[in-house]
C-alpha atoms as a PDB file:
ATOM      1  CA  UNK A   1       2.161 -34.411   7.390  1.00  0.00           C
ATOM      2  CA  UNK A   2       1.277 -31.636   4.893  1.00  0.00           C
ATOM      3  CA  UNK A   3       3.098 -31.616   1.549  1.00  0.00           C
ATOM      4  CA  UNK A   4       4.085 -28.475  -0.347  1.00  0.00           C
ATOM      5  CA  UNK A   5       4.152 -28.280  -4.123  1.00  0.00           C
ATOM      6  CA  UNK A   6       7.416 -29.383  -5.670  1.00  0.00           C
ATOM      7  CA  UNK A   7       6.163 -31.350  -8.687  1.00  0.00           C
ATOM      8  CA  UNK A   8       2.480 -31.478  -9.591  1.00  0.00           C
ATOM      9  CA  UNK A   9       0.622 -34.533 -10.839  1.00  0.00           C
ATOM     10  CA  UNK A  10      -2.902 -34.393 -12.278  1.00  0.00           C
ATOM     11  CA  UNK A  11      -5.485 -35.926  -9.969  1.00  0.00           C
ATOM     12  CA  UNK A  12      -8.651 -37.643 -11.278  1.00  0.00           C
ATOM     13  CA  UNK A  13     -11.832 -35.562 -11.190  1.00  0.00           C
ATOM     14  CA  UNK A  14     -13.766 -36.228  -8.000  1.00  0.00           C
ATOM     15  CA  UNK A  15     -10.776 -37.773  -6.262  1.00  0.00           C
ATOM     16  CA  UNK A  16     -10.918 -37.693  -2.483  1.00  0.00           C
ATOM     17  CA  UNK A  17      -7.304 -36.620  -2.516  1.00  0.00           C
ATOM     18  CA  UNK A  18      -7.465 -32.840  -2.883  1.00  0.00           C
ATOM     19  CA  UNK A  19      -3.864 -31.875  -2.333  1.00  0.00           C
ATOM     20  CA  UNK A  20      -0.691 -32.088  -4.423  1.00  0.00           C
ATOM     21  CA  UNK A  21       1.974 -34.519  -3.248  1.00  0.00           C
ATOM     22  CA  UNK A  22       5.719 -34.496  -3.731  1.00  0.00           C
ATOM     23  CA  UNK A  23       6.481 -37.184  -6.321  1.00  0.00           C
ATOM     24  CA  UNK A  24       8.866 -40.021  -5.740  1.00  0.00           C
ATOM     25  CA  UNK A  25      10.937 -38.829  -8.685  1.00  0.00           C
ATOM     26  CA  UNK A  26      11.460 -35.457  -7.061  1.00  0.00           C
ATOM     27  CA  UNK A  27      12.408 -37.089  -3.769  1.00  0.00           C
ATOM     28  CA  UNK A  28      14.900 -39.359  -5.519  1.00  0.00           C
ATOM     29  CA  UNK A  29      16.461 -36.401  -7.356  1.00  0.00           C
ATOM     30  CA  UNK A  30      16.751 -34.536  -4.057  1.00  0.00           C
ATOM     31  CA  UNK A  31      18.485 -37.494  -2.447  1.00  0.00           C
ATOM     32  CA  UNK A  32      20.882 -37.907  -5.378  1.00  0.00           C
ATOM     33  CA  UNK A  33      21.690 -34.183  -5.243  1.00  0.00           C
ATOM     34  CA  UNK A  34      22.483 -34.517  -1.547  1.00  0.00           C
ATOM     35  CA  UNK A  35      23.770 -38.110  -1.045  1.00  0.00           C
ATOM     36  CA  UNK A  36      24.674 -37.520   2.581  1.00  0.00           C
ATOM     37  CA  UNK A  37      21.143 -36.542   3.580  1.00  0.00           C
ATOM     38  CA  UNK A  38      18.476 -38.943   4.674  1.00  0.00           C
ATOM     39  CA  UNK A  39      15.086 -39.092   2.942  1.00  0.00           C
ATOM     40  CA  UNK A  40      13.503 -37.193   5.843  1.00  0.00           C
ATOM     41  CA  UNK A  41      16.111 -34.451   5.646  1.00  0.00           C
ATOM     42  CA  UNK A  42      15.526 -34.070   1.899  1.00  0.00           C
ATOM     43  CA  UNK A  43      11.759 -33.840   2.445  1.00  0.00           C
ATOM     44  CA  UNK A  44      12.270 -31.217   5.160  1.00  0.00           C
ATOM     45  CA  UNK A  45      14.450 -29.115   2.859  1.00  0.00           C
ATOM     46  CA  UNK A  46      11.823 -29.189   0.113  1.00  0.00           C
ATOM     47  CA  UNK A  47       9.067 -28.219   2.541  1.00  0.00           C
ATOM     48  CA  UNK A  48      11.100 -25.344   3.958  1.00  0.00           C
ATOM     49  CA  UNK A  49      11.861 -24.065   0.459  1.00  0.00           C
ATOM     50  CA  UNK A  50       8.210 -24.146  -0.655  1.00  0.00           C
ATOM     51  CA  UNK A  51       6.390 -23.190   2.558  1.00  0.00           C
ATOM     52  CA  UNK A  52       5.540 -19.511   3.090  1.00  0.00           C
ATOM     53  CA  UNK A  53       7.635 -17.875   5.838  1.00  0.00           C
ATOM     54  CA  UNK A  54       6.036 -18.280   9.257  1.00  0.00           C
ATOM     55  CA  UNK A  55       5.860 -14.487   9.617  1.00  0.00           C
ATOM     56  CA  UNK A  56       3.711 -14.312   6.466  1.00  0.00           C
ATOM     57  CA  UNK A  57       1.366 -17.000   7.751  1.00  0.00           C
ATOM     58  CA  UNK A  58       0.977 -15.244  11.103  1.00  0.00           C
ATOM     59  CA  UNK A  59       0.287 -11.888   9.418  1.00  0.00           C
ATOM     60  CA  UNK A  60      -2.315 -13.488   7.131  1.00  0.00           C
ATOM     61  CA  UNK A  61      -4.135 -15.023  10.114  1.00  0.00           C
ATOM     62  CA  UNK A  62      -4.074 -11.736  12.063  1.00  0.00           C
ATOM     63  CA  UNK A  63      -5.375  -9.802   9.041  1.00  0.00           C
ATOM     64  CA  UNK A  64      -8.205 -12.307   8.578  1.00  0.00           C
ATOM     65  CA  UNK A  65      -9.181 -12.117  12.250  1.00  0.00           C
ATOM     66  CA  UNK A  66      -9.124  -8.310  12.147  1.00  0.00           C
ATOM     67  CA  UNK A  67     -11.415  -8.166   9.141  1.00  0.00           C
ATOM     68  CA  UNK A  68     -14.042 -10.448  10.640  1.00  0.00           C
ATOM     69  CA  UNK A  69     -15.782  -7.984  13.011  1.00  0.00           C
ATOM     70  CA  UNK A  70     -15.493  -4.909  10.757  1.00  0.00           C
ATOM     71  CA  UNK A  71     -18.592  -5.420   8.593  1.00  0.00           C
ATOM     72  CA  UNK A  72     -21.014  -5.947  11.517  1.00  0.00           C
ATOM     73  CA  UNK A  73     -19.433  -3.007  13.358  1.00  0.00           C
ATOM     74  CA  UNK A  74     -19.932  -0.740  10.337  1.00  0.00           C
ATOM     75  CA  UNK A  75     -23.535  -1.917   9.895  1.00  0.00           C
ATOM     76  CA  UNK A  76     -24.278  -1.356  13.578  1.00  0.00           C
ATOM     77  CA  UNK A  77     -22.846   2.144  13.375  1.00  0.00           C
ATOM     78  CA  UNK A  78     -25.043   2.974  10.378  1.00  0.00           C
ATOM     79  CA  UNK A  79     -28.164   1.643  12.114  1.00  0.00           C
ATOM     80  CA  UNK A  80     -27.438   3.627  15.287  1.00  0.00           C
ATOM     81  CA  UNK A  81     -26.836   6.778  13.272  1.00  0.00           C
ATOM     82  CA  UNK A  82     -30.084   6.324  11.351  1.00  0.00           C
ATOM     83  CA  UNK A  83     -32.074   5.776  14.535  1.00  0.00           C
ATOM     84  CA  UNK A  84     -30.459   8.711  16.338  1.00  0.00           C
ATOM     85  CA  UNK A  85     -30.410  11.393  13.643  1.00  0.00           C
ATOM     86  CA  UNK A  86     -31.959  13.882  16.077  1.00  0.00           C
ATOM     87  CA  UNK A  87     -29.219  13.379  18.654  1.00  0.00           C
ATOM     88  CA  UNK A  88     -25.984  15.134  17.555  1.00  0.00           C
ATOM     89  CA  UNK A  89     -23.909  13.557  20.326  1.00  0.00           C
ATOM     90  CA  UNK A  90     -24.750  10.013  19.224  1.00  0.00           C
ATOM     91  CA  UNK A  91     -24.122  10.935  15.576  1.00  0.00           C
ATOM     92  CA  UNK A  92     -20.698  12.282  16.588  1.00  0.00           C
ATOM     93  CA  UNK A  93     -19.920   9.035  18.418  1.00  0.00           C
ATOM     94  CA  UNK A  94     -20.932   6.902  15.424  1.00  0.00           C
ATOM     95  CA  UNK A  95     -18.628   8.987  13.235  1.00  0.00           C
ATOM     96  CA  UNK A  96     -15.821   8.222  15.674  1.00  0.00           C
ATOM     97  CA  UNK A  97     -16.681   4.509  15.415  1.00  0.00           C
ATOM     98  CA  UNK A  98     -16.554   4.750  11.620  1.00  0.00           C
ATOM     99  CA  UNK A  99     -13.095   6.343  11.756  1.00  0.00           C
ATOM    100  CA  UNK A 100     -11.795   3.587  13.998  1.00  0.00           C
ATOM    101  CA  UNK A 101     -13.319   0.872  11.794  1.00  0.00           C
ATOM    102  CA  UNK A 102     -11.710   2.473   8.737  1.00  0.00           C
ATOM    103  CA  UNK A 103      -8.388   2.503  10.572  1.00  0.00           C
ATOM    104  CA  UNK A 104      -8.690  -1.208  11.413  1.00  0.00           C
ATOM    105  CA  UNK A 105      -9.660  -1.969   7.828  1.00  0.00           C
ATOM    106  CA  UNK A 106      -6.561  -0.153   6.592  1.00  0.00           C
ATOM    107  CA  UNK A 107      -4.441  -2.065   9.110  1.00  0.00           C
ATOM    108  CA  UNK A 108      -5.857  -5.407   7.934  1.00  0.00           C
ATOM    109  CA  UNK A 109      -5.164  -4.466   4.310  1.00  0.00           C
ATOM    110  CA  UNK A 110      -1.620  -3.390   5.200  1.00  0.00           C
ATOM    111  CA  UNK A 111      -0.979  -6.724   6.925  1.00  0.00           C
ATOM    112  CA  UNK A 112      -2.241  -8.670   3.900  1.00  0.00           C
ATOM    113  CA  UNK A 113      -0.082  -6.535   1.626  1.00  0.00           C
ATOM    114  CA  UNK A 114       2.912  -7.153   3.892  1.00  0.00           C
ATOM    115  CA  UNK A 115       2.571 -10.907   3.315  1.00  0.00           C
ATOM    116  CA  UNK A 116       2.346 -10.339  -0.450  1.00  0.00           C
ATOM    117  CA  UNK A 117       5.382  -8.048  -0.464  1.00  0.00           C
ATOM    118  CA  UNK A 118       7.371 -10.570   1.565  1.00  0.00           C
ATOM    119  CA  UNK A 119       6.475 -13.306  -0.927  1.00  0.00           C
ATOM    120  CA  UNK A 120       6.759 -10.985  -3.985  1.00  0.00           C
ATOM    121  CA  UNK A 121       3.171 -11.890  -4.864  1.00  0.00           C
ATOM    122  CA  UNK A 122       1.274  -8.626  -5.414  1.00  0.00           C
ATOM    123  CA  UNK A 123      -1.626  -9.275  -7.784  1.00  0.00           C
ATOM    124  CA  UNK A 124      -2.125  -6.871 -10.716  1.00  0.00           C
ATOM    125  CA  UNK A 125      -5.154  -6.361 -12.961  1.00  0.00           C
ATOM    126  CA  UNK A 126      -3.745  -4.122 -15.678  1.00  0.00           C
ATOM    127  CA  UNK A 127      -5.666  -1.630 -17.775  1.00  0.00           C
ATOM    128  CA  UNK A 128      -4.976   1.483 -19.843  1.00  0.00           C
ATOM    129  CA  UNK A 129      -5.451   4.283 -17.292  1.00  0.00           C
ATOM    130  CA  UNK A 130      -5.891   8.038 -17.688  1.00  0.00           C
ATOM    131  CA  UNK A 131      -3.896   9.507 -14.813  1.00  0.00           C
ATOM    132  CA  UNK A 132      -6.019  12.604 -14.059  1.00  0.00           C
ATOM    133  CA  UNK A 133      -9.138  10.469 -13.645  1.00  0.00           C
ATOM    134  CA  UNK A 134      -7.196   8.006 -11.493  1.00  0.00           C
ATOM    135  CA  UNK A 135      -5.989  10.721  -9.098  1.00  0.00           C
ATOM    136  CA  UNK A 136      -9.275  12.650  -8.808  1.00  0.00           C
ATOM    137  CA  UNK A 137     -10.794  10.594  -5.971  1.00  0.00           C
ATOM    138  CA  UNK A 138      -7.469  10.331  -4.145  1.00  0.00           C
ATOM    139  CA  UNK A 139      -7.111  14.121  -4.202  1.00  0.00           C
ATOM    140  CA  UNK A 140     -10.634  14.541  -2.822  1.00  0.00           C
ATOM    141  CA  UNK A 141      -9.862  12.207   0.083  1.00  0.00           C
ATOM    142  CA  UNK A 142      -6.616  14.087   0.772  1.00  0.00           C
ATOM    143  CA  UNK A 143      -8.428  17.440   0.768  1.00  0.00           C
ATOM    144  CA  UNK A 144     -10.785  16.165   3.475  1.00  0.00           C
ATOM    145  CA  UNK A 145      -7.942  14.685   5.549  1.00  0.00           C
ATOM    146  CA  UNK A 146      -5.868  17.884   5.240  1.00  0.00           C
ATOM    147  CA  UNK A 147      -8.878  20.008   6.186  1.00  0.00           C
ATOM    148  CA  UNK A 148      -9.225  18.076   9.438  1.00  0.00           C
ATOM    149  CA  UNK A 149      -5.696  19.216  10.377  1.00  0.00           C
ATOM    150  CA  UNK A 150      -6.035  22.783   8.993  1.00  0.00           C
ATOM    151  CA  UNK A 151      -3.436  21.960   6.331  1.00  0.00           C
ATOM    152  CA  UNK A 152      -3.189  23.317   2.789  1.00  0.00           C
ATOM    153  CA  UNK A 153      -3.049  20.824  -0.080  1.00  0.00           C
ATOM    154  CA  UNK A 154      -2.036  21.960  -3.588  1.00  0.00           C
ATOM    155  CA  UNK A 155      -2.284  19.703  -6.643  1.00  0.00           C
ATOM    156  CA  UNK A 156      -0.557  20.468  -9.966  1.00  0.00           C
ATOM    157  CA  UNK A 157      -2.017  18.298 -12.718  1.00  0.00           C
ATOM    158  CA  UNK A 158      -1.129  17.886 -16.420  1.00  0.00           C
ATOM    159  CA  UNK A 159      -2.901  20.020 -19.010  1.00  0.00           C
ATOM    160  CA  UNK A 160      -3.613  17.120 -21.328  1.00  0.00           C
ATOM    161  CA  UNK A 161      -4.129  13.363 -21.343  1.00  0.00           C
ATOM    162  CA  UNK A 162      -1.588  10.961 -19.885  1.00  0.00           C
ATOM    163  CA  UNK A 163      -2.103   7.207 -19.917  1.00  0.00           C
ATOM    164  CA  UNK A 164      -0.211   4.443 -18.185  1.00  0.00           C
ATOM    165  CA  UNK A 165      -0.547   0.679 -18.283  1.00  0.00           C
ATOM    166  CA  UNK A 166      -1.254  -0.544 -14.785  1.00  0.00           C
ATOM    167  CA  UNK A 167      -3.582  -1.735 -12.082  1.00  0.00           C
ATOM    168  CA  UNK A 168      -5.828   1.215 -11.142  1.00  0.00           C
ATOM    169  CA  UNK A 169      -6.467  -0.074  -7.612  1.00  0.00           C
ATOM    170  CA  UNK A 170      -2.785  -0.640  -6.886  1.00  0.00           C
ATOM    171  CA  UNK A 171      -1.645   2.677  -8.368  1.00  0.00           C
ATOM    172  CA  UNK A 172      -4.350   4.473  -6.377  1.00  0.00           C
ATOM    173  CA  UNK A 173      -3.117   2.649  -3.296  1.00  0.00           C
ATOM    174  CA  UNK A 174       0.487   3.747  -3.930  1.00  0.00           C
ATOM    175  CA  UNK A 175      -0.383   7.442  -4.320  1.00  0.00           C
ATOM    176  CA  UNK A 176      -2.846   7.260  -1.412  1.00  0.00           C
ATOM    177  CA  UNK A 177      -0.164   5.792   0.859  1.00  0.00           C
ATOM    178  CA  UNK A 178       2.236   8.618  -0.002  1.00  0.00           C
ATOM    179  CA  UNK A 179      -0.414  11.319   0.539  1.00  0.00           C
ATOM    180  CA  UNK A 180      -1.626   9.638   3.734  1.00  0.00           C
ATOM    181  CA  UNK A 181       1.914   9.778   5.126  1.00  0.00           C
ATOM    182  CA  UNK A 182       2.271  13.424   4.088  1.00  0.00           C
ATOM    183  CA  UNK A 183      -0.876  14.369   6.001  1.00  0.00           C
ATOM    184  CA  UNK A 184       0.046  12.191   8.971  1.00  0.00           C
ATOM    185  CA  UNK A 185       3.568  13.566   9.399  1.00  0.00           C
ATOM    186  CA  UNK A 186       2.798  17.218   8.650  1.00  0.00           C
ATOM    187  CA  UNK A 187       1.840  19.525  11.509  1.00  0.00           C
ATOM    188  CA  UNK A 188      -1.374  21.546  11.689  1.00  0.00           C
ATOM    189  CA  UNK A 189      -1.376  24.503   9.244  1.00  0.00           C
ATOM    190  CA  UNK A 190       1.361  22.778   7.245  1.00  0.00           C
ATOM    191  CA  UNK A 191       1.575  22.455   3.465  1.00  0.00           C
ATOM    192  CA  UNK A 192       1.359  19.409   1.173  1.00  0.00           C
ATOM    193  CA  UNK A 193       1.927  19.506  -2.592  1.00  0.00           C
ATOM    194  CA  UNK A 194       1.197  16.965  -5.311  1.00  0.00           C
ATOM    195  CA  UNK A 195       2.848  17.476  -8.692  1.00  0.00           C
ATOM    196  CA  UNK A 196       2.212  15.368 -11.804  1.00  0.00           C
ATOM    197  CA  UNK A 197       4.352  15.961 -14.893  1.00  0.00           C
ATOM    198  CA  UNK A 198       6.354  14.346 -17.685  1.00  0.00           C
ATOM    199  CA  UNK A 199      10.095  13.658 -17.849  1.00  0.00           C
ATOM    200  CA  UNK A 200      11.113  12.012 -21.103  1.00  0.00           C
ATOM    201  CA  UNK A 201       9.063   8.830 -21.401  1.00  0.00           C
ATOM    202  CA  UNK A 202       8.123   8.735 -17.736  1.00  0.00           C
ATOM    203  CA  UNK A 203       5.167   9.966 -15.748  1.00  0.00           C
ATOM    204  CA  UNK A 204       6.387  11.607 -12.536  1.00  0.00           C
ATOM    205  CA  UNK A 205       4.215  11.947  -9.428  1.00  0.00           C
ATOM    206  CA  UNK A 206       5.947  14.063  -6.783  1.00  0.00           C
ATOM    207  CA  UNK A 207       4.600  14.608  -3.269  1.00  0.00           C
ATOM    208  CA  UNK A 208       6.342  16.936  -0.838  1.00  0.00           C
ATOM    209  CA  UNK A 209       5.507  18.512   2.506  1.00  0.00           C
ATOM    210  CA  UNK A 210       6.999  20.779   5.168  1.00  0.00           C
ATOM    211  CA  UNK A 211       6.329  18.298   7.959  1.00  0.00           C
ATOM    212  CA  UNK A 212       8.356  16.150  10.347  1.00  0.00           C
ATOM    213  CA  UNK A 213      11.046  15.155   7.867  1.00  0.00           C
ATOM    214  CA  UNK A 214      13.209  12.017   7.985  1.00  0.00           C
ATOM    215  CA  UNK A 215      16.537  11.485   9.696  1.00  0.00           C
ATOM    216  CA  UNK A 216      19.597  10.595   7.619  1.00  0.00           C
ATOM    217  CA  UNK A 217      19.923   7.297   9.497  1.00  0.00           C
ATOM    218  CA  UNK A 218      16.368   6.228   8.612  1.00  0.00           C
ATOM    219  CA  UNK A 219      16.278   7.513   5.028  1.00  0.00           C
ATOM    220  CA  UNK A 220      18.084   4.511   3.437  1.00  0.00           C
ATOM    221  CA  UNK A 221      15.579   2.131   5.086  1.00  0.00           C
ATOM    222  CA  UNK A 222      12.229   3.884   4.631  1.00  0.00           C
ATOM    223  CA  UNK A 223      11.074   1.390   1.987  1.00  0.00           C
ATOM    224  CA  UNK A 224      11.976  -1.644   4.108  1.00  0.00           C
ATOM    225  CA  UNK A 225       9.084  -3.672   5.486  1.00  0.00           C
ATOM    226  CA  UNK A 226       8.249  -2.684   9.088  1.00  0.00           C
ATOM    227  CA  UNK A 227      10.737   0.191   9.101  1.00  0.00           C
ATOM    228  CA  UNK A 228      10.165   2.130  12.346  1.00  0.00           C
ATOM    229  CA  UNK A 229      11.721   5.168  13.969  1.00  0.00           C
ATOM    230  CA  UNK A 230      11.138   7.924  16.483  1.00  0.00           C
ATOM    231  CA  UNK A 231       9.539   9.787  13.569  1.00  0.00           C
ATOM    232  CA  UNK A 232       6.285   7.854  14.070  1.00  0.00           C
ATOM    233  CA  UNK A 233       6.470   8.096  17.847  1.00  0.00           C
ATOM    234  CA  UNK A 234       7.086  11.842  17.927  1.00  0.00           C
ATOM    235  CA  UNK A 235       4.187  12.409  15.550  1.00  0.00           C
ATOM    236  CA  UNK A 236       1.944  10.166  17.690  1.00  0.00           C
ATOM    237  CA  UNK A 237       0.910   8.652  14.383  1.00  0.00           C
ATOM    238  CA  UNK A 238       1.609   4.989  14.935  1.00  0.00           C
ATOM    239  CA  UNK A 239       1.759   2.738  11.887  1.00  0.00           C
ATOM    240  CA  UNK A 240       3.548  -0.525  11.223  1.00  0.00           C
ATOM    241  CA  UNK A 241       5.981   0.674   8.574  1.00  0.00           C
ATOM    242  CA  UNK A 242       4.203  -1.246   5.801  1.00  0.00           C
ATOM    243  CA  UNK A 243       2.862   1.512   3.538  1.00  0.00           C
ATOM    244  CA  UNK A 244       6.120   2.588   1.882  1.00  0.00           C
ATOM    245  CA  UNK A 245       7.230  -1.017   1.329  1.00  0.00           C
ATOM    246  CA  UNK A 246       3.939  -1.583  -0.496  1.00  0.00           C
ATOM    247  CA  UNK A 247       4.480   1.571  -2.591  1.00  0.00           C
ATOM    248  CA  UNK A 248       7.904   0.294  -3.649  1.00  0.00           C
ATOM    249  CA  UNK A 249       6.525  -3.134  -4.566  1.00  0.00           C
ATOM    250  CA  UNK A 250       3.709  -1.551  -6.615  1.00  0.00           C
ATOM    251  CA  UNK A 251       6.104   0.810  -8.419  1.00  0.00           C
ATOM    252  CA  UNK A 252       8.543  -1.957  -9.326  1.00  0.00           C
ATOM    253  CA  UNK A 253       5.762  -4.321 -10.445  1.00  0.00           C
ATOM    254  CA  UNK A 254       4.737  -1.609 -12.948  1.00  0.00           C
ATOM    255  CA  UNK A 255       8.286  -1.138 -14.253  1.00  0.00           C
ATOM    256  CA  UNK A 256       8.680   2.091 -12.272  1.00  0.00           C
ATOM    257  CA  UNK A 257      10.584   3.424  -9.286  1.00  0.00           C
ATOM    258  CA  UNK A 258       9.945   5.341  -6.081  1.00  0.00           C
ATOM    259  CA  UNK A 259      12.424   7.403  -4.078  1.00  0.00           C
ATOM    260  CA  UNK A 260      12.390   9.547  -0.963  1.00  0.00           C
ATOM    261  CA  UNK A 261      14.384  12.573   0.145  1.00  0.00           C
ATOM    262  CA  UNK A 262      14.540  14.814   3.207  1.00  0.00           C
ATOM    263  CA  UNK A 263      16.874  17.484   4.527  1.00  0.00           C
ATOM    264  CA  UNK A 264      16.415  16.075   8.014  1.00  0.00           C
ATOM    265  CA  UNK A 265      14.030  16.107  11.003  1.00  0.00           C
ATOM    266  CA  UNK A 266      11.643  19.060  10.929  1.00  0.00           C
ATOM    267  CA  UNK A 267      12.541  19.943   7.323  1.00  0.00           C
ATOM    268  CA  UNK A 268       9.847  18.093   5.404  1.00  0.00           C
ATOM    269  CA  UNK A 269      10.135  15.263   2.929  1.00  0.00           C
ATOM    270  CA  UNK A 270       9.704  14.539  -0.774  1.00  0.00           C
ATOM    271  CA  UNK A 271       8.651  11.313  -2.482  1.00  0.00           C
ATOM    272  CA  UNK A 272       8.859  10.712  -6.229  1.00  0.00           C
ATOM    273  CA  UNK A 273       6.986   7.944  -8.041  1.00  0.00           C
ATOM    274  CA  UNK A 274       7.940   7.333 -11.695  1.00  0.00           C
ATOM    275  CA  UNK A 275       5.988   5.160 -14.140  1.00  0.00           C
ATOM    276  CA  UNK A 276       6.402   4.416 -17.865  1.00  0.00           C
ATOM    277  CA  UNK A 277       3.981   6.409 -20.064  1.00  0.00           C
ATOM    278  CA  UNK A 278       1.832   4.540 -22.584  1.00  0.00           C
ATOM    279  CA  UNK A 279       0.444   7.589 -24.418  1.00  0.00           C
ATOM    280  CA  UNK A 280       0.405  11.339 -23.902  1.00  0.00           C
ATOM    281  CA  UNK A 281      -1.607  14.039 -25.685  1.00  0.00           C
ATOM    282  CA  UNK A 282      -0.603  17.710 -25.732  1.00  0.00           C
ATOM    283  CA  UNK A 283       1.499  17.466 -22.595  1.00  0.00           C
ATOM    284  CA  UNK A 284       4.781  19.368 -23.057  1.00  0.00           C
ATOM    285  CA  UNK A 285       7.479  18.320 -20.615  1.00  0.00           C
ATOM    286  CA  UNK A 286       6.709  19.897 -17.269  1.00  0.00           C
ATOM    287  CA  UNK A 287       3.458  21.554 -18.451  1.00  0.00           C
ATOM    288  CA  UNK A 288       0.884  21.730 -15.665  1.00  0.00           C
ATOM    289  CA  UNK A 289      -2.280  23.523 -14.687  1.00  0.00           C
ATOM    290  CA  UNK A 290      -2.270  24.406 -11.004  1.00  0.00           C
ATOM    291  CA  UNK A 291      -5.338  23.587  -8.984  1.00  0.00           C
ATOM    292  CA  UNK A 292      -4.812  25.086  -5.552  1.00  0.00           C
ATOM    293  CA  UNK A 293      -6.916  23.656  -2.753  1.00  0.00           C
ATOM    294  CA  UNK A 294      -6.713  25.544   0.521  1.00  0.00           C
ATOM    295  CA  UNK A 295      -8.066  22.954   2.926  1.00  0.00           C
ATOM    296  CA  UNK A 296      -9.097  25.525   5.533  1.00  0.00           C
ATOM    297  CA  UNK A 297     -11.346  27.292   3.018  1.00  0.00           C
ATOM    298  CA  UNK A 298     -13.600  24.234   2.912  1.00  0.00           C
ATOM    299  CA  UNK A 299     -14.847  24.903   6.431  1.00  0.00           C
END
């Protein structure tokens, strides 16, 4: 029977026993704390308290199985494209394969993140980050995604240097999730705006769109794990309702907040991510330089 960590004892180097057992002292304390329970019942309670939820274990297995075939699929697509450069139809098909592989990769990452959110175990590798540099690549990806739907994306960035203390990968993921949703739930020829500015001692990243909007019944639950609604169905966009839960977990792990607002279905939505500022240079409150990117003009 597997044992879950309740009290660790050091094991000798090279020992054949490679797992941590529940000590007799812990078991005795458990029994004294619950005199009416048998030893087996006490052990079961400890195991249930320490074991990851079964939903987390299932999600982790599914994510691992999804990731397995992705690397060979991507390599095969690249080889086919290289060998068929003179055939536009095959190149177009390999690009479709790449998009689907990227979608599966994002799904696998979302599932892994869902297990971490459920267990409150998001890993952070903190650094001192300059926010304009952090957002540059994310904006470029959003421009390309918006262009594919004939949307217009406008970014308003600070005229100066803003630094935050955080994990660059996780913060990029949070902003990317919000922009990804904006593109996904905004109709063709719609508008998406990203604003970055200062309020007091906080960095504010605001993303709004004139897309599908959010119903008043769903709005209080949009940051819940696996939140679903007819919003995703009507947009034919799918999704497991993981992205916003991950954004909330990332924001809170950095000492920040995230909020969402919408006037209702068909009236767009607005998401606001706030993070503590480490340093700022020549950035008056609300001062921005507008960089307008009309996605259609890239064609």
